[in-house]
Amino acid sequence: MLNTLSRNNILTGLIWDLPIHDNMAPGYLKWMANIRRSHRRYIYSVQGDAEVSELIGYSERTSPGCEPFAVHLRNLYGDGFYYFSAGKGQIYLLMIMDGIIISGSDCVITENYFQEMVASLPESKYARLQVTEISLAQLDTIAESCKSNQKIFKKKQRMFWSAVGFGIFLLLIASSVFLYTIISG
């Protein structure tokens, strides 16, 4: 399933920034500063009680037109403890609570670690999240949502480059007319 997502330019494994950095170790803050400089940034909005907050995820893949899987899953299905088999004893895990993608959860983990997490879930602060396996139908829905966003992005990109090309064309014509008037006297 991860290959399917990757082929459709859908990103997984982003590093999601925490909304609040109080009580964070200096090493973590330094590491996040390096991540901010070296990774592509993806922003999503969360409606809080009184205001809208912008939260940020970082990806190593910097190609334009990619869409974060976690944001689409959040927008389509809301809060939850989501997972699917990534093959070879690996599980993809994503946790979303109160509309916020939990930092460190957009990842692939071992099946044993996943079982330990599910077993400890009732005693954790994430106890209210429903454990849900992501189905192929849900992946297809997310892929279609991403493709429609990518089409919009590509259309905007084509319009931009068309405008640049037209501007260069006009500049060449104007400079040709200017040179002709200078040469002809």
N, C-alpha and C. Protein backbone atom coordinates (compact mmCIF):
# COMPACT_ATOMS: atom_id res chain seq x y z
N MET A 1 0.81 -1.20 0.00
CA MET A 1 0.00 0.00 0.00
C MET A 1 0.86 1.27 0.00
N LEU A 2 2.00 1.20 0.67
CA LEU A 2 2.90 2.35 0.67
C LEU A 2 3.40 2.66 -0.73
N ASN A 3 3.64 1.62 -1.53
CA ASN A 3 4.07 1.83 -2.92
C ASN A 3 2.99 2.52 -3.73
N THR A 4 1.74 2.15 -3.49
CA THR A 4 0.62 2.79 -4.18
C THR A 4 0.57 4.27 -3.84
N LEU A 5 0.74 4.59 -2.57
CA LEU A 5 0.73 5.99 -2.16
C LEU A 5 1.89 6.74 -2.80
N SER A 6 3.06 6.14 -2.79
CA SER A 6 4.25 6.79 -3.34
C SER A 6 4.10 7.04 -4.84
N ARG A 7 3.55 6.05 -5.57
CA ARG A 7 3.35 6.21 -7.02
C ARG A 7 2.39 7.36 -7.33
N ASN A 8 1.48 7.65 -6.41
CA ASN A 8 0.51 8.73 -6.62
C ASN A 8 0.96 10.05 -6.00
N ASN A 9 2.26 10.16 -5.68
CA ASN A 9 2.83 11.37 -5.07
C ASN A 9 2.14 11.74 -3.76
N ILE A 10 1.81 10.72 -2.98
CA ILE A 10 1.20 10.92 -1.67
C ILE A 10 2.27 10.59 -0.64
N LEU A 11 2.56 11.56 0.21
CA LEU A 11 3.67 11.44 1.16
C LEU A 11 3.25 10.81 2.48
N THR A 12 4.10 9.94 2.98
CA THR A 12 3.97 9.42 4.35
C THR A 12 5.31 9.65 5.04
N GLY A 13 5.32 9.48 6.34
CA GLY A 13 6.56 9.61 7.08
C GLY A 13 7.00 11.04 7.32
N LEU A 14 6.06 11.97 7.34
CA LEU A 14 6.42 13.36 7.62
C LEU A 14 6.72 13.54 9.10
N ILE A 15 7.51 14.54 9.40
CA ILE A 15 7.80 14.91 10.78
C ILE A 15 6.84 16.05 11.10
N TRP A 16 5.89 15.80 12.00
CA TRP A 16 4.87 16.79 12.32
C TRP A 16 5.31 17.60 13.52
N ASP A 17 5.38 18.90 13.34
CA ASP A 17 5.82 19.80 14.40
C ASP A 17 4.74 19.89 15.48
N LEU A 18 5.19 19.95 16.72
CA LEU A 18 4.26 20.09 17.84
C LEU A 18 3.75 21.52 17.89
N PRO A 19 2.46 21.72 18.24
CA PRO A 19 1.94 23.08 18.29
C PRO A 19 2.55 23.92 19.41
N ILE A 20 2.97 23.27 20.48
CA ILE A 20 3.54 23.97 21.63
C ILE A 20 4.91 23.38 21.93
N HIS A 21 5.92 24.24 22.09
CA HIS A 21 7.28 23.76 22.36
C HIS A 21 7.70 24.00 23.80
N ASP A 22 6.75 24.19 24.71
CA ASP A 22 7.09 24.35 26.12
C ASP A 22 7.67 23.04 26.65
N ASN A 23 8.62 23.15 27.54
CA ASN A 23 9.23 22.00 28.22
C ASN A 23 9.92 21.03 27.26
N MET A 24 10.37 21.50 26.12
CA MET A 24 11.08 20.64 25.18
C MET A 24 12.58 20.72 25.47
N ALA A 25 13.24 19.61 25.31
CA ALA A 25 14.68 19.55 25.53
C ALA A 25 15.40 20.39 24.47
N PRO A 26 16.51 21.01 24.84
CA PRO A 26 17.26 21.82 23.87
C PRO A 26 17.69 21.01 22.64
N GLY A 27 18.01 19.73 22.84
CA GLY A 27 18.39 18.88 21.71
C GLY A 27 17.26 18.72 20.70
N TYR A 28 16.04 18.57 21.19
CA TYR A 28 14.88 18.46 20.31
C TYR A 28 14.67 19.76 19.54
N LEU A 29 14.77 20.88 20.23
CA LEU A 29 14.58 22.18 19.57
C LEU A 29 15.63 22.41 18.49
N LYS A 30 16.87 22.01 18.77
CA LYS A 30 17.95 22.15 17.77
C LYS A 30 17.68 21.23 16.58
N TRP A 31 17.27 20.00 16.86
CA TRP A 31 16.95 19.05 15.79
C TRP A 31 15.83 19.59 14.91
N MET A 32 14.77 20.14 15.53
CA MET A 32 13.66 20.70 14.76
C MET A 32 14.11 21.90 13.94
N ALA A 33 15.03 22.70 14.46
CA ALA A 33 15.55 23.84 13.69
C ALA A 33 16.26 23.34 12.43
N ASN A 34 17.01 22.25 12.54
CA ASN A 34 17.67 21.65 11.37
C ASN A 34 16.65 21.09 10.39
N ILE A 35 15.61 20.46 10.90
CA ILE A 35 14.55 19.90 10.04
C ILE A 35 13.87 21.04 9.27
N ARG A 36 13.60 22.14 9.94
CA ARG A 36 12.94 23.27 9.29
C ARG A 36 13.75 23.81 8.12
N ARG A 37 15.08 23.76 8.23
CA ARG A 37 15.94 24.27 7.17
C ARG A 37 16.10 23.29 6.02
N SER A 38 16.06 21.99 6.30
CA SER A 38 16.44 21.01 5.29
C SER A 38 15.26 20.26 4.65
N HIS A 39 14.05 20.42 5.16
CA HIS A 39 12.91 19.67 4.65
C HIS A 39 11.85 20.60 4.07
N ARG A 40 11.05 20.06 3.17
CA ARG A 40 9.93 20.81 2.59
C ARG A 40 8.81 20.90 3.62
N ARG A 41 8.18 22.05 3.69
CA ARG A 41 7.16 22.31 4.70
C ARG A 41 5.76 22.16 4.11
N TYR A 42 4.88 21.49 4.85
CA TYR A 42 3.47 21.34 4.50
C TYR A 42 2.64 21.88 5.67
N ILE A 43 1.74 22.80 5.37
CA ILE A 43 0.95 23.46 6.41
C ILE A 43 -0.50 23.01 6.30
N TYR A 44 -1.12 22.76 7.46
CA TYR A 44 -2.55 22.50 7.49
C TYR A 44 -3.17 23.25 8.66
N SER A 45 -4.45 23.57 8.55
CA SER A 45 -5.14 24.37 9.55
C SER A 45 -6.02 23.51 10.42
N VAL A 46 -6.10 23.89 11.70
CA VAL A 46 -6.94 23.20 12.67
C VAL A 46 -7.83 24.24 13.33
N GLN A 47 -9.13 24.01 13.34
CA GLN A 47 -10.07 24.91 13.99
C GLN A 47 -10.11 24.58 15.47
N GLY A 48 -9.67 25.51 16.31
CA GLY A 48 -9.70 25.34 17.75
C GLY A 48 -10.99 25.90 18.33
N ASP A 49 -10.99 26.07 19.65
CA ASP A 49 -12.18 26.63 20.31
C ASP A 49 -12.46 28.05 19.85
N ALA A 50 -11.41 28.88 19.81
CA ALA A 50 -11.62 30.28 19.47
C ALA A 50 -10.92 30.71 18.18
N GLU A 51 -9.86 29.99 17.79
CA GLU A 51 -9.10 30.43 16.64
C GLU A 51 -8.68 29.24 15.76
N VAL A 52 -8.16 29.59 14.60
CA VAL A 52 -7.65 28.59 13.67
C VAL A 52 -6.13 28.57 13.82
N SER A 53 -5.58 27.39 14.02
CA SER A 53 -4.13 27.25 14.16
C SER A 53 -3.57 26.61 12.90
N GLU A 54 -2.37 27.03 12.54
CA GLU A 54 -1.67 26.39 11.44
C GLU A 54 -0.62 25.45 12.02
N LEU A 55 -0.67 24.19 11.61
CA LEU A 55 0.29 23.20 12.05
C LEU A 55 1.12 22.77 10.85
N ILE A 56 2.33 22.30 11.13
CA ILE A 56 3.30 22.09 10.05
C ILE A 56 3.88 20.69 10.10
N GLY A 57 4.03 20.10 8.91
CA GLY A 57 4.73 18.84 8.75
C GLY A 57 5.90 19.04 7.80
N TYR A 58 6.96 18.26 7.98
CA TYR A 58 8.17 18.39 7.16
C TYR A 58 8.47 17.07 6.48
N SER A 59 8.86 17.15 5.20
CA SER A 59 9.17 15.96 4.42
C SER A 59 10.52 16.09 3.75
N GLU A 60 11.22 14.96 3.63
CA GLU A 60 12.48 14.94 2.90
C GLU A 60 12.25 15.10 1.41
N ARG A 61 11.13 14.59 0.91
CA ARG A 61 10.81 14.72 -0.52
C ARG A 61 10.42 16.16 -0.81
N THR A 62 11.11 16.75 -1.73
CA THR A 62 10.88 18.17 -2.01
C THR A 62 10.22 18.43 -3.35
N SER A 63 9.82 17.38 -4.05
CA SER A 63 9.21 17.61 -5.36
C SER A 63 7.83 18.24 -5.19
N PRO A 64 7.53 19.25 -6.02
CA PRO A 64 6.22 19.91 -5.93
C PRO A 64 5.11 18.98 -6.39
N GLY A 65 3.92 19.24 -5.92
CA GLY A 65 2.77 18.44 -6.33
C GLY A 65 2.51 17.25 -5.45
N CYS A 66 3.34 17.02 -4.44
CA CYS A 66 3.10 15.92 -3.51
C CYS A 66 2.10 16.35 -2.45
N GLU A 67 1.34 15.40 -1.97
CA GLU A 67 0.32 15.67 -0.96
C GLU A 67 0.56 14.78 0.25
N PRO A 68 0.47 15.32 1.48
CA PRO A 68 0.64 14.50 2.68
C PRO A 68 -0.59 13.61 2.92
N PHE A 69 -0.34 12.33 3.04
CA PHE A 69 -1.39 11.34 3.31
C PHE A 69 -2.12 11.68 4.60
N ALA A 70 -1.38 12.04 5.64
CA ALA A 70 -1.96 12.28 6.95
C ALA A 70 -3.01 13.39 6.92
N VAL A 71 -2.76 14.45 6.16
CA VAL A 71 -3.71 15.57 6.10
C VAL A 71 -4.99 15.13 5.39
N HIS A 72 -4.85 14.36 4.32
CA HIS A 72 -6.05 13.90 3.62
C HIS A 72 -6.85 12.93 4.48
N LEU A 73 -6.18 12.03 5.19
CA LEU A 73 -6.89 11.10 6.07
C LEU A 73 -7.61 11.88 7.15
N ARG A 74 -6.95 12.87 7.71
CA ARG A 74 -7.55 13.72 8.75
C ARG A 74 -8.78 14.44 8.21
N ASN A 75 -8.66 15.04 7.03
CA ASN A 75 -9.78 15.79 6.46
C ASN A 75 -10.97 14.90 6.12
N LEU A 76 -10.70 13.69 5.66
CA LEU A 76 -11.78 12.80 5.24
C LEU A 76 -12.39 11.98 6.38
N TYR A 77 -11.57 11.56 7.36
CA TYR A 77 -12.06 10.61 8.36
C TYR A 77 -11.93 11.09 9.81
N GLY A 78 -11.24 12.20 10.05
CA GLY A 78 -11.20 12.76 11.40
C GLY A 78 -10.24 12.05 12.34
N ASP A 79 -10.51 12.17 13.63
CA ASP A 79 -9.64 11.62 14.67
C ASP A 79 -9.66 10.10 14.65
N GLY A 80 -8.52 9.52 15.03
CA GLY A 80 -8.45 8.07 15.13
C GLY A 80 -7.02 7.57 15.23
N PHE A 81 -6.92 6.29 15.50
CA PHE A 81 -5.66 5.55 15.57
C PHE A 81 -5.68 4.65 14.34
N TYR A 82 -5.08 5.13 13.25
CA TYR A 82 -5.19 4.46 11.95
C TYR A 82 -3.95 3.63 11.66
N TYR A 83 -4.15 2.52 10.97
CA TYR A 83 -3.02 1.67 10.60
C TYR A 83 -3.37 0.85 9.37
N PHE A 84 -2.33 0.36 8.70
CA PHE A 84 -2.47 -0.66 7.67
C PHE A 84 -1.17 -1.43 7.58
N SER A 85 -1.25 -2.63 7.05
CA SER A 85 -0.07 -3.48 6.91
C SER A 85 0.81 -2.93 5.80
N ALA A 86 2.10 -2.76 6.13
CA ALA A 86 3.07 -2.28 5.14
C ALA A 86 3.92 -3.43 4.62
N GLY A 87 3.56 -4.67 5.00
CA GLY A 87 4.27 -5.85 4.53
C GLY A 87 5.50 -6.18 5.37
N LYS A 88 5.92 -7.43 5.31
CA LYS A 88 7.12 -7.91 5.98
C LYS A 88 7.16 -7.56 7.47
N GLY A 89 6.05 -7.78 8.17
CA GLY A 89 6.00 -7.53 9.60
C GLY A 89 6.03 -6.06 9.98
N GLN A 90 5.67 -5.20 9.05
CA GLN A 90 5.67 -3.75 9.28
C GLN A 90 4.24 -3.22 9.25
N ILE A 91 3.98 -2.21 10.06
CA ILE A 91 2.68 -1.56 10.12
C ILE A 91 2.86 -0.06 9.96
N TYR A 92 2.06 0.54 9.08
CA TYR A 92 2.03 2.00 8.99
C TYR A 92 1.06 2.49 10.05
N LEU A 93 1.46 3.50 10.82
CA LEU A 93 0.65 4.02 11.92
C LEU A 93 0.47 5.52 11.78
N LEU A 94 -0.74 5.99 12.03
CA LEU A 94 -1.03 7.42 12.06
C LEU A 94 -2.07 7.68 13.14
N MET A 95 -1.76 8.62 14.02
CA MET A 95 -2.68 8.99 15.09
C MET A 95 -3.08 10.45 14.92
N ILE A 96 -4.40 10.69 15.01
CA ILE A 96 -4.94 12.04 14.90
C ILE A 96 -5.88 12.25 16.07
N MET A 97 -5.65 13.31 16.85
CA MET A 97 -6.51 13.61 17.99
C MET A 97 -6.80 15.11 18.01
N ASP A 98 -8.07 15.45 18.13
CA ASP A 98 -8.53 16.84 18.12
C ASP A 98 -8.09 17.56 16.84
N GLY A 99 -8.05 16.82 15.74
CA GLY A 99 -7.67 17.40 14.46
C GLY A 99 -6.18 17.60 14.27
N ILE A 100 -5.39 17.21 15.27
CA ILE A 100 -3.93 17.40 15.22
C ILE A 100 -3.27 16.05 14.95
N ILE A 101 -2.40 16.03 13.95
CA ILE A 101 -1.64 14.82 13.64
C ILE A 101 -0.57 14.69 14.72
N ILE A 102 -0.58 13.57 15.41
CA ILE A 102 0.32 13.36 16.54
C ILE A 102 1.74 13.19 16.01
N SER A 103 2.63 14.02 16.52
CA SER A 103 4.04 13.98 16.10
C SER A 103 4.64 12.61 16.40
N GLY A 104 5.34 12.08 15.42
CA GLY A 104 5.98 10.77 15.57
C GLY A 104 5.10 9.59 15.18
N SER A 105 3.87 9.87 14.74
CA SER A 105 2.98 8.75 14.42
C SER A 105 2.82 8.48 12.93
N ASP A 106 3.24 9.36 12.09
CA ASP A 106 3.13 9.17 10.63
C ASP A 106 4.35 8.35 10.21
N CYS A 107 4.32 7.04 10.56
CA CYS A 107 5.54 6.24 10.41
C CYS A 107 5.21 4.76 10.22
N VAL A 108 6.25 4.01 9.88
CA VAL A 108 6.16 2.56 9.77
C VAL A 108 6.89 1.98 10.97
N ILE A 109 6.19 1.06 11.68
CA ILE A 109 6.76 0.43 12.86
C ILE A 109 6.63 -1.08 12.73
N THR A 110 7.29 -1.81 13.63
CA THR A 110 7.19 -3.27 13.59
C THR A 110 5.83 -3.71 14.13
N GLU A 111 5.42 -4.89 13.73
CA GLU A 111 4.15 -5.43 14.18
C GLU A 111 4.13 -5.62 15.70
N ASN A 112 5.25 -6.05 16.27
CA ASN A 112 5.33 -6.25 17.73
C ASN A 112 5.14 -4.93 18.47
N TYR A 113 5.80 -3.89 18.00
CA TYR A 113 5.66 -2.59 18.65
C TYR A 113 4.23 -2.08 18.52
N PHE A 114 3.63 -2.31 17.36
CA PHE A 114 2.24 -1.92 17.15
C PHE A 114 1.33 -2.62 18.16
N GLN A 115 1.52 -3.92 18.35
CA GLN A 115 0.70 -4.68 19.30
C GLN A 115 0.85 -4.12 20.72
N GLU A 116 2.08 -3.75 21.08
CA GLU A 116 2.32 -3.15 22.40
C GLU A 116 1.58 -1.81 22.52
N MET A 117 1.61 -1.02 21.48
CA MET A 117 0.91 0.27 21.50
C MET A 117 -0.59 0.09 21.65
N VAL A 118 -1.16 -0.84 20.91
CA VAL A 118 -2.60 -1.09 20.99
C VAL A 118 -2.97 -1.58 22.39
N ALA A 119 -2.12 -2.44 22.97
CA ALA A 119 -2.39 -2.96 24.31
C ALA A 119 -2.33 -1.85 25.37
N SER A 120 -1.44 -0.89 25.19
CA SER A 120 -1.30 0.19 26.19
C SER A 120 -2.22 1.38 25.90
N LEU A 121 -2.93 1.36 24.79
CA LEU A 121 -3.79 2.47 24.40
C LEU A 121 -4.86 2.82 25.44
N PRO A 122 -5.56 1.84 26.06
CA PRO A 122 -6.62 2.20 27.02
C PRO A 122 -6.12 2.99 28.23
N GLU A 123 -4.86 2.85 28.61
CA GLU A 123 -4.33 3.58 29.76
C GLU A 123 -3.65 4.89 29.37
N SER A 124 -3.62 5.22 28.10
CA SER A 124 -2.90 6.40 27.64
C SER A 124 -3.86 7.59 27.45
N LYS A 125 -3.27 8.74 27.15
CA LYS A 125 -4.09 9.92 26.89
C LYS A 125 -4.82 9.82 25.55
N TYR A 126 -4.50 8.80 24.76
CA TYR A 126 -5.13 8.58 23.46
C TYR A 126 -6.23 7.51 23.53
N ALA A 127 -6.69 7.20 24.72
CA ALA A 127 -7.66 6.11 24.93
C ALA A 127 -8.96 6.33 24.15
N ARG A 128 -9.34 7.57 23.91
CA ARG A 128 -10.62 7.82 23.23
C ARG A 128 -10.54 7.64 21.72
N LEU A 129 -9.33 7.43 21.19
CA LEU A 129 -9.19 7.23 19.75
C LEU A 129 -9.62 5.82 19.38
N GLN A 130 -10.38 5.73 18.31
CA GLN A 130 -10.82 4.43 17.82
C GLN A 130 -9.74 3.84 16.93
N VAL A 131 -9.37 2.59 17.19
CA VAL A 131 -8.38 1.89 16.38
C VAL A 131 -9.06 1.43 15.10
N THR A 132 -8.54 1.90 13.95
CA THR A 132 -9.17 1.63 12.67
C THR A 132 -8.13 1.20 11.64
N GLU A 133 -8.37 0.05 11.02
CA GLU A 133 -7.50 -0.36 9.92
C GLU A 133 -7.96 0.36 8.65
N ILE A 134 -7.02 0.94 7.96
CA ILE A 134 -7.33 1.67 6.73
C ILE A 134 -7.56 0.64 5.62
N SER A 135 -8.71 0.72 4.99
CA SER A 135 -9.06 -0.23 3.94
C SER A 135 -8.56 0.26 2.58
N LEU A 136 -8.59 -0.65 1.62
CA LEU A 136 -8.23 -0.27 0.25
C LEU A 136 -9.19 0.78 -0.31
N ALA A 137 -10.46 0.67 0.05
CA ALA A 137 -11.45 1.65 -0.41
C ALA A 137 -11.12 3.04 0.14
N GLN A 138 -10.70 3.11 1.40
CA GLN A 138 -10.32 4.39 1.98
C GLN A 138 -9.07 4.94 1.30
N LEU A 139 -8.11 4.05 1.01
CA LEU A 139 -6.91 4.50 0.30
C LEU A 139 -7.25 5.04 -1.08
N ASP A 140 -8.17 4.37 -1.76
CA ASP A 140 -8.60 4.85 -3.08
C ASP A 140 -9.26 6.22 -2.98
N THR A 141 -10.09 6.42 -1.95
CA THR A 141 -10.74 7.72 -1.74
C THR A 141 -9.70 8.80 -1.50
N ILE A 142 -8.71 8.50 -0.68
CA ILE A 142 -7.65 9.46 -0.40
C ILE A 142 -6.83 9.74 -1.65
N ALA A 143 -6.53 8.69 -2.43
CA ALA A 143 -5.76 8.87 -3.67
C ALA A 143 -6.52 9.76 -4.64
N GLU A 144 -7.84 9.59 -4.75
CA GLU A 144 -8.64 10.43 -5.65
C GLU A 144 -8.65 11.88 -5.17
N SER A 145 -8.74 12.07 -3.86
CA SER A 145 -8.71 13.42 -3.30
C SER A 145 -7.37 14.09 -3.61
N CYS A 146 -6.29 13.33 -3.47
CA CYS A 146 -4.96 13.87 -3.77
C CYS A 146 -4.81 14.18 -5.25
N LYS A 147 -5.31 13.30 -6.10
CA LYS A 147 -5.20 13.52 -7.55
C LYS A 147 -5.92 14.78 -7.98
N SER A 148 -7.08 15.05 -7.38
CA SER A 148 -7.80 16.27 -7.75
C SER A 148 -7.01 17.51 -7.32
N ASN A 149 -6.38 17.47 -6.14
CA ASN A 149 -5.53 18.59 -5.71
C ASN A 149 -4.32 18.74 -6.62
N GLN A 150 -3.74 17.61 -7.04
CA GLN A 150 -2.57 17.65 -7.91
C GLN A 150 -2.93 18.21 -9.28
N LYS A 151 -4.13 17.91 -9.78
CA LYS A 151 -4.57 18.48 -11.06
C LYS A 151 -4.69 19.99 -10.96
N ILE A 152 -5.23 20.47 -9.85
CA ILE A 152 -5.34 21.92 -9.65
C ILE A 152 -3.95 22.55 -9.61
N PHE A 153 -3.02 21.90 -8.90
CA PHE A 153 -1.65 22.40 -8.80
C PHE A 153 -1.00 22.46 -10.18
N LYS A 154 -1.16 21.38 -10.96
CA LYS A 154 -0.54 21.34 -12.30
C LYS A 154 -1.15 22.39 -13.22
N LYS A 155 -2.45 22.64 -13.08
CA LYS A 155 -3.10 23.66 -13.90
C LYS A 155 -2.54 25.04 -13.56
N LYS A 156 -2.39 25.33 -12.27
CA LYS A 156 -1.80 26.61 -11.85
C LYS A 156 -0.36 26.73 -12.34
N GLN A 157 0.36 25.62 -12.28
CA GLN A 157 1.75 25.63 -12.73
C GLN A 157 1.83 25.90 -14.23
N ARG A 158 0.95 25.28 -15.03
CA ARG A 158 0.92 25.52 -16.47
C ARG A 158 0.57 26.97 -16.78
N MET A 159 -0.38 27.51 -16.03
CA MET A 159 -0.76 28.92 -16.25
C MET A 159 0.41 29.84 -15.94
N PHE A 160 1.14 29.56 -14.88
CA PHE A 160 2.29 30.38 -14.51
C PHE A 160 3.34 30.36 -15.61
N TRP A 161 3.70 29.16 -16.08
CA TRP A 161 4.74 29.06 -17.10
C TRP A 161 4.28 29.62 -18.44
N SER A 162 2.99 29.52 -18.72
CA SER A 162 2.46 30.14 -19.95
C SER A 162 2.59 31.66 -19.86
N ALA A 163 2.29 32.22 -18.71
CA ALA A 163 2.42 33.67 -18.52
C ALA A 163 3.87 34.10 -18.62
N VAL A 164 4.79 33.30 -18.07
CA VAL A 164 6.21 33.62 -18.18
C VAL A 164 6.65 33.57 -19.63
N GLY A 165 6.24 32.55 -20.35
CA GLY A 165 6.59 32.42 -21.76
C GLY A 165 6.03 33.58 -22.59
N PHE A 166 4.79 33.95 -22.33
CA PHE A 166 4.18 35.08 -23.03
C PHE A 166 4.92 36.38 -22.73
N GLY A 167 5.32 36.56 -21.47
CA GLY A 167 6.08 37.75 -21.09
C GLY A 167 7.41 37.82 -21.80
N ILE A 168 8.09 36.68 -21.90
CA ILE A 168 9.37 36.64 -22.62
C ILE A 168 9.16 36.95 -24.11
N PHE A 169 8.09 36.39 -24.67
CA PHE A 169 7.76 36.65 -26.07
C PHE A 169 7.54 38.15 -26.31
N LEU A 170 6.76 38.78 -25.43
CA LEU A 170 6.52 40.23 -25.57
C LEU A 170 7.81 41.03 -25.41
N LEU A 171 8.66 40.60 -24.49
CA LEU A 171 9.94 41.27 -24.28
C LEU A 171 10.81 41.16 -25.54
N LEU A 172 10.83 39.99 -26.16
CA LEU A 172 11.60 39.82 -27.39
C LEU A 172 11.06 40.70 -28.52
N ILE A 173 9.76 40.78 -28.65
CA ILE A 173 9.17 41.62 -29.69
C ILE A 173 9.51 43.09 -29.43
N ALA A 174 9.34 43.52 -28.18
CA ALA A 174 9.63 44.92 -27.83
C ALA A 174 11.10 45.24 -28.07
N SER A 175 11.99 44.34 -27.70
CA SER A 175 13.42 44.60 -27.91
C SER A 175 13.76 44.57 -29.39
N SER A 176 13.11 43.71 -30.17
CA SER A 176 13.34 43.68 -31.63
C SER A 176 12.89 44.98 -32.27
N VAL A 177 11.72 45.48 -31.89
CA VAL A 177 11.21 46.74 -32.43
C VAL A 177 12.15 47.88 -32.04
N PHE A 178 12.60 47.89 -30.80
CA PHE A 178 13.52 48.92 -30.32
C PHE A 178 14.82 48.88 -31.10
N LEU A 179 15.41 47.70 -31.28
CA LEU A 179 16.65 47.57 -32.04
C LEU A 179 16.44 47.97 -33.50
N TYR A 180 15.32 47.61 -34.10
CA TYR A 180 15.03 47.96 -35.48
C TYR A 180 14.97 49.48 -35.64
N THR A 181 14.30 50.15 -34.70
CA THR A 181 14.19 51.61 -34.80
C THR A 181 15.54 52.29 -34.62
N ILE A 182 16.41 51.72 -33.81
CA ILE A 182 17.75 52.29 -33.60
C ILE A 182 18.61 52.08 -34.83
N ILE A 183 18.56 50.87 -35.39
CA ILE A 183 19.39 50.52 -36.55
C ILE A 183 18.92 51.28 -37.79
N SER A 184 17.61 51.35 -38.00
CA SER A 184 17.10 51.99 -39.21
C SER A 184 17.14 53.51 -39.11
N GLY A 185 17.36 54.00 -37.98
CA GLY A 185 17.64 55.39 -37.90
C GLY A 185 16.62 56.29 -37.43
